[in-house]
N, C-alpha and C. Protein backbone atom coordinates (compact mmCIF):
# COMPACT_ATOMS: atom_id res chain seq x y z
N MET A 1 161.16 77.35 127.10
CA MET A 1 161.74 76.97 128.38
C MET A 1 162.59 75.71 128.20
N ARG A 2 162.02 74.74 127.51
CA ARG A 2 162.74 73.48 127.34
C ARG A 2 164.04 73.70 126.59
N ALA A 3 163.98 74.44 125.50
CA ALA A 3 165.17 74.65 124.68
C ALA A 3 166.25 75.42 125.43
N VAL A 4 165.85 76.43 126.17
CA VAL A 4 166.83 77.27 126.86
C VAL A 4 167.37 76.60 128.10
N PHE A 5 166.51 76.03 128.94
CA PHE A 5 166.95 75.50 130.23
C PHE A 5 167.34 74.03 130.21
N PHE A 6 166.61 73.21 129.47
CA PHE A 6 166.91 71.79 129.50
C PHE A 6 167.85 71.36 128.38
N GLU A 7 167.73 72.01 127.23
CA GLU A 7 168.60 71.66 126.11
C GLU A 7 169.80 72.58 126.02
N ASP A 8 169.84 73.60 126.87
CA ASP A 8 170.97 74.53 126.97
C ASP A 8 171.31 75.16 125.62
N ARG A 9 170.25 75.57 124.90
CA ARG A 9 170.46 76.19 123.59
C ARG A 9 170.55 77.70 123.74
N LEU A 10 171.23 78.33 122.82
CA LEU A 10 171.37 79.78 122.82
C LEU A 10 170.07 80.43 122.39
N LEU A 11 169.83 81.63 122.95
CA LEU A 11 168.63 82.37 122.57
C LEU A 11 168.61 82.63 121.08
N LYS A 12 169.77 82.87 120.52
CA LYS A 12 169.88 83.14 119.08
C LYS A 12 169.34 81.95 118.27
N ASP A 13 169.72 80.74 118.67
CA ASP A 13 169.27 79.54 117.95
C ASP A 13 167.77 79.34 118.10
N VAL A 14 167.27 79.55 119.30
CA VAL A 14 165.83 79.39 119.54
C VAL A 14 165.06 80.44 118.74
N ALA A 15 165.57 81.66 118.70
CA ALA A 15 164.92 82.74 117.95
C ALA A 15 164.83 82.40 116.47
N GLU A 16 165.92 81.87 115.91
CA GLU A 16 165.91 81.50 114.50
C GLU A 16 164.88 80.40 114.23
N GLU A 17 164.83 79.43 115.14
CA GLU A 17 163.88 78.32 114.97
C GLU A 17 162.44 78.81 115.02
N LEU A 18 162.16 79.77 115.91
CA LEU A 18 160.80 80.28 116.06
C LEU A 18 160.46 81.40 115.10
N GLY A 19 161.48 81.96 114.45
CA GLY A 19 161.25 83.05 113.51
C GLY A 19 160.95 84.37 114.21
N VAL A 20 161.56 84.56 115.38
CA VAL A 20 161.39 85.81 116.13
C VAL A 20 162.78 86.33 116.52
N THR A 21 162.81 87.48 117.18
CA THR A 21 164.09 88.04 117.60
C THR A 21 164.56 87.42 118.91
N GLU A 22 165.84 87.58 119.19
CA GLU A 22 166.39 87.10 120.47
C GLU A 22 165.69 87.81 121.63
N SER A 23 165.39 89.08 121.42
CA SER A 23 164.71 89.86 122.45
C SER A 23 163.36 89.24 122.78
N ARG A 24 162.64 88.80 121.76
CA ARG A 24 161.32 88.19 122.00
C ARG A 24 161.47 86.87 122.74
N VAL A 25 162.48 86.10 122.40
CA VAL A 25 162.71 84.83 123.11
C VAL A 25 163.01 85.13 124.58
N SER A 26 163.80 86.15 124.82
CA SER A 26 164.11 86.55 126.19
C SER A 26 162.84 86.97 126.93
N GLN A 27 161.97 87.71 126.27
CA GLN A 27 160.70 88.11 126.88
C GLN A 27 159.84 86.90 127.20
N LEU A 28 159.77 85.97 126.27
CA LEU A 28 158.98 84.75 126.49
C LEU A 28 159.53 83.95 127.66
N ARG A 29 160.86 83.86 127.74
CA ARG A 29 161.50 83.14 128.84
C ARG A 29 161.16 83.81 130.17
N SER A 30 161.23 85.14 130.20
CA SER A 30 160.90 85.87 131.43
C SER A 30 159.45 85.66 131.83
N GLU A 31 158.55 85.72 130.88
CA GLU A 31 157.14 85.50 131.16
C GLU A 31 156.91 84.08 131.69
N ALA A 32 157.58 83.12 131.10
CA ALA A 32 157.43 81.73 131.53
C ALA A 32 157.95 81.54 132.96
N LEU A 33 159.05 82.20 133.29
CA LEU A 33 159.59 82.10 134.64
C LEU A 33 158.64 82.72 135.66
N VAL A 34 158.02 83.83 135.31
CA VAL A 34 157.05 84.46 136.21
C VAL A 34 155.86 83.51 136.42
N MET A 35 155.37 82.91 135.35
CA MET A 35 154.24 81.99 135.47
C MET A 35 154.63 80.77 136.31
N LEU A 36 155.83 80.25 136.11
CA LEU A 36 156.30 79.11 136.88
C LEU A 36 156.40 79.47 138.36
N ARG A 37 157.00 80.63 138.66
CA ARG A 37 157.13 81.09 140.04
C ARG A 37 155.77 81.25 140.70
N ASP A 38 154.84 81.89 139.99
CA ASP A 38 153.50 82.10 140.53
C ASP A 38 152.78 80.78 140.80
N GLY A 39 152.94 79.85 139.89
CA GLY A 39 152.32 78.53 140.07
C GLY A 39 152.91 77.79 141.26
N MET A 40 154.21 77.87 141.41
CA MET A 40 154.86 77.21 142.54
C MET A 40 154.44 77.87 143.85
N ARG A 41 154.37 79.20 143.85
CA ARG A 41 153.98 79.93 145.05
C ARG A 41 152.55 79.57 145.45
N ALA A 42 151.64 79.51 144.48
CA ALA A 42 150.25 79.16 144.77
C ALA A 42 150.15 77.75 145.34
N THR A 43 150.90 76.83 144.76
CA THR A 43 150.89 75.45 145.25
C THR A 43 151.43 75.38 146.67
N LEU A 44 152.52 76.07 146.93
CA LEU A 44 153.12 76.07 148.25
C LEU A 44 152.17 76.68 149.27
N GLU A 45 151.50 77.77 148.91
CA GLU A 45 150.55 78.39 149.84
C GLU A 45 149.40 77.45 150.16
N GLU A 46 148.93 76.69 149.17
CA GLU A 46 147.86 75.72 149.41
C GLU A 46 148.34 74.64 150.37
N GLU A 47 149.58 74.16 150.17
CA GLU A 47 150.12 73.13 151.05
C GLU A 47 150.30 73.66 152.46
N ARG A 48 150.78 74.90 152.58
CA ARG A 48 150.95 75.50 153.92
C ARG A 48 149.61 75.64 154.62
N SER A 49 148.59 76.06 153.89
CA SER A 49 147.26 76.22 154.49
C SER A 49 146.73 74.88 154.97
N ALA A 50 146.89 73.86 154.16
CA ALA A 50 146.44 72.52 154.54
C ALA A 50 147.24 72.02 155.73
N GLY A 51 148.55 72.26 155.72
CA GLY A 51 149.40 71.83 156.82
C GLY A 51 149.06 72.56 158.10
N ALA A 52 148.78 73.85 158.02
CA ALA A 52 148.43 74.63 159.20
C ALA A 52 147.12 74.13 159.80
N ALA A 53 146.17 73.80 158.95
CA ALA A 53 144.89 73.29 159.44
C ALA A 53 145.08 71.95 160.14
N ALA A 54 145.93 71.10 159.57
CA ALA A 54 146.19 69.79 160.18
C ALA A 54 146.89 69.95 161.53
N VAL A 55 147.85 70.87 161.60
CA VAL A 55 148.56 71.11 162.85
C VAL A 55 147.61 71.64 163.91
N ALA A 56 146.75 72.58 163.52
CA ALA A 56 145.80 73.15 164.47
C ALA A 56 144.88 72.07 165.03
N ALA A 57 144.49 71.14 164.20
CA ALA A 57 143.59 70.08 164.63
C ALA A 57 144.32 69.01 165.45
N ALA A 58 145.63 68.91 165.30
CA ALA A 58 146.38 67.84 165.93
C ALA A 58 146.67 68.08 167.41
N GLY A 59 146.71 69.31 167.86
CA GLY A 59 146.93 69.56 169.28
C GLY A 59 148.25 70.24 169.56
N ALA A 60 148.51 70.43 170.86
CA ALA A 60 149.66 71.21 171.32
C ALA A 60 150.99 70.57 170.93
N ALA A 61 151.13 69.28 171.06
CA ALA A 61 152.40 68.62 170.75
C ALA A 61 152.76 68.81 169.27
N ALA A 62 151.78 68.68 168.41
CA ALA A 62 152.02 68.86 166.97
C ALA A 62 152.39 70.30 166.68
N ARG A 63 151.77 71.26 167.36
CA ARG A 63 152.11 72.67 167.15
C ARG A 63 153.54 72.95 167.60
N ARG A 64 153.96 72.36 168.73
CA ARG A 64 155.35 72.55 169.19
C ARG A 64 156.33 71.98 168.18
N ARG A 65 156.03 70.78 167.66
CA ARG A 65 156.90 70.17 166.65
C ARG A 65 156.97 71.04 165.41
N ALA A 66 155.83 71.54 164.97
CA ALA A 66 155.79 72.38 163.77
C ALA A 66 156.60 73.65 163.99
N THR A 67 156.50 74.25 165.16
CA THR A 67 157.27 75.45 165.47
C THR A 67 158.76 75.14 165.46
N TYR A 68 159.12 74.02 166.06
CA TYR A 68 160.53 73.62 166.10
C TYR A 68 161.06 73.40 164.67
N TYR A 69 160.31 72.69 163.85
CA TYR A 69 160.74 72.44 162.47
C TYR A 69 160.86 73.74 161.68
N ALA A 70 159.94 74.67 161.91
CA ALA A 70 160.01 75.97 161.23
C ALA A 70 161.27 76.72 161.65
N ASP A 71 161.62 76.66 162.94
CA ASP A 71 162.86 77.30 163.41
C ASP A 71 164.08 76.69 162.74
N ILE A 72 164.10 75.38 162.63
CA ILE A 72 165.23 74.69 161.98
C ILE A 72 165.32 75.11 160.52
N ALA A 73 164.19 75.14 159.83
CA ALA A 73 164.19 75.54 158.42
C ALA A 73 164.67 76.97 158.26
N LYS A 74 164.25 77.84 159.17
CA LYS A 74 164.66 79.24 159.11
C LYS A 74 166.18 79.35 159.29
N ARG A 75 166.73 78.61 160.24
CA ARG A 75 168.18 78.63 160.46
C ARG A 75 168.92 78.10 159.23
N ALA A 76 168.40 77.07 158.60
CA ALA A 76 169.06 76.51 157.42
C ALA A 76 169.06 77.52 156.29
N THR A 77 167.96 78.24 156.12
CA THR A 77 167.87 79.24 155.07
C THR A 77 168.87 80.36 155.32
N VAL A 78 168.95 80.82 156.56
CA VAL A 78 169.89 81.89 156.90
C VAL A 78 171.32 81.41 156.73
N ALA A 79 171.60 80.17 157.13
CA ALA A 79 172.95 79.62 157.01
C ALA A 79 173.37 79.52 155.54
N GLN A 80 172.44 79.22 154.67
CA GLN A 80 172.76 79.13 153.25
C GLN A 80 173.15 80.48 152.69
N ARG A 81 172.64 81.55 153.30
CA ARG A 81 173.00 82.89 152.86
C ARG A 81 174.33 83.34 153.46
N GLY A 82 174.90 82.53 154.35
CA GLY A 82 176.21 82.84 154.90
C GLY A 82 176.19 83.68 156.15
N THR A 83 175.05 83.79 156.80
CA THR A 83 174.98 84.52 158.05
C THR A 83 174.50 83.57 159.13
N LEU A 84 174.88 83.87 160.34
CA LEU A 84 174.48 83.02 161.44
C LEU A 84 173.16 83.52 162.01
N ALA A 85 172.36 82.58 162.42
CA ALA A 85 171.08 82.92 163.04
C ALA A 85 171.12 82.45 164.48
N PRO A 86 170.36 83.09 165.33
CA PRO A 86 170.32 82.62 166.72
C PRO A 86 169.74 81.22 166.77
N ARG A 87 170.15 80.48 167.76
CA ARG A 87 169.64 79.12 167.91
C ARG A 87 168.15 79.17 168.17
N PRO A 88 167.42 78.16 167.70
CA PRO A 88 165.99 78.16 167.95
C PRO A 88 165.74 78.08 169.45
N SER A 89 164.69 78.74 169.89
CA SER A 89 164.39 78.72 171.33
C SER A 89 164.04 77.30 171.74
N ALA A 90 164.38 77.00 172.98
CA ALA A 90 164.11 75.67 173.49
C ALA A 90 162.60 75.46 173.55
N VAL A 91 162.19 74.29 173.20
CA VAL A 91 160.76 73.97 173.24
C VAL A 91 160.45 73.53 174.66
N ARG A 92 159.57 74.26 175.31
CA ARG A 92 159.18 73.94 176.67
C ARG A 92 157.92 73.10 176.65
N HIS A 93 157.97 72.04 177.37
CA HIS A 93 156.83 71.13 177.41
C HIS A 93 156.04 71.39 178.68
N ALA A 94 154.76 71.58 178.54
CA ALA A 94 153.91 71.77 179.70
C ALA A 94 153.72 70.44 180.38
N VAL A 95 153.79 70.46 181.68
CA VAL A 95 153.60 69.22 182.45
C VAL A 95 152.29 69.25 183.15
């Protein structure tokens, strides 16, 4: 991973250094990316679970803020893909 992504080396060079084929280096890179993705996903899910528990314990105002922030994040993600998303619904405050 370090040689390919951080040192910007060719698979051919890494393969020669490791004494394996370019195909094997490509396989190793793919496996490493899957492991990295899975690790990041697991960490994010843990953070979301902890955040959801904190929001639930914090009360209605915190839940409204969390919903609003989630709507904003969703719009930003859609905008990055080049499509427009509907505006987030107005947050109604109970009086």
